[in-house]
Amino acid sequence: MQAVYSRGRGPRLRRTLLPSCNLNVTEGLIVETDTSMVNAARRIIMELLLASTPNTEPLLAIAAKLGISATRYKTGKSDKCILCGLCVRVCREKMGASALAFATSGENKNSVAEFITLSSQACIGCGSCVNICPIGVIQLKDQGDERTIHLYGEKVNTLKLVRCESCGKPYATEKFLDFVLSRLDRDLSSRMKLRICPDCSREYFTVALTGRFPVFEEFPPIV
């Protein structure tokens, strides 16, 4: 949250509060990030976040920096999810799977989102949501030939892992590899050997950089 206004050239803008992600930069724009108005707004927002996610360690650390030790608001929400939407966005906009979505417990579609849901049919098990979640609400666990996805502490999906054809290590889900191949043109997908793990891939394409795209059968296993 920051206070912005403009003067001089560019469109006139009265002093107002805006989040950084919604601000379009224009000529003459003045941004203030440390004023009494900005800090007061930040403290109110932090109290509201703490009310909905009281046990979230990163939020508690930020609240302490703002001088907040407790919140005046109560919601009864007990999970750590801050509903930032990063997992939903990366799944939809970057991966194109749209397996994650906001949801509510009521029938009113106009209600404020209360939690995140995952569609096991749409999920490809790529792990992007796990990597981007700042709180650790979504977790991934590989055991043997299976990958499980946990959301809010509950197992929501199980996918089969593919073993690397070079070293034999399970490394990615079948659905994820099929998804990647579907995004490539036919000629490239026929030449790409995606049944090798990242470690073996680095070795494989190092040979390709010499000017000879190697045939996989000639590629020695990594010991």
Foldseek 3Di string as FASTA:
>chain_A
DKWKFFDDDDDGGDTDDDDPVPDDDDPRMDIGCDDPVNLVVVLLVLLVLCQQAVPQVVSCVVNVVSVDDHHPDHDPHYFRDSPPCPLQCCVCPVLNLNQKDFDDPDPDPPDDGNFMGGHQVSDQQPCPSCVPRPRRQWDWDDDDQKIFIHHNNHTDYIFGFQAAPFARHGAGGPSSVVSVLVPDDPVVSVLDDPSHHPVLVVVQCVVVVVVDNDDVVPRHHDD
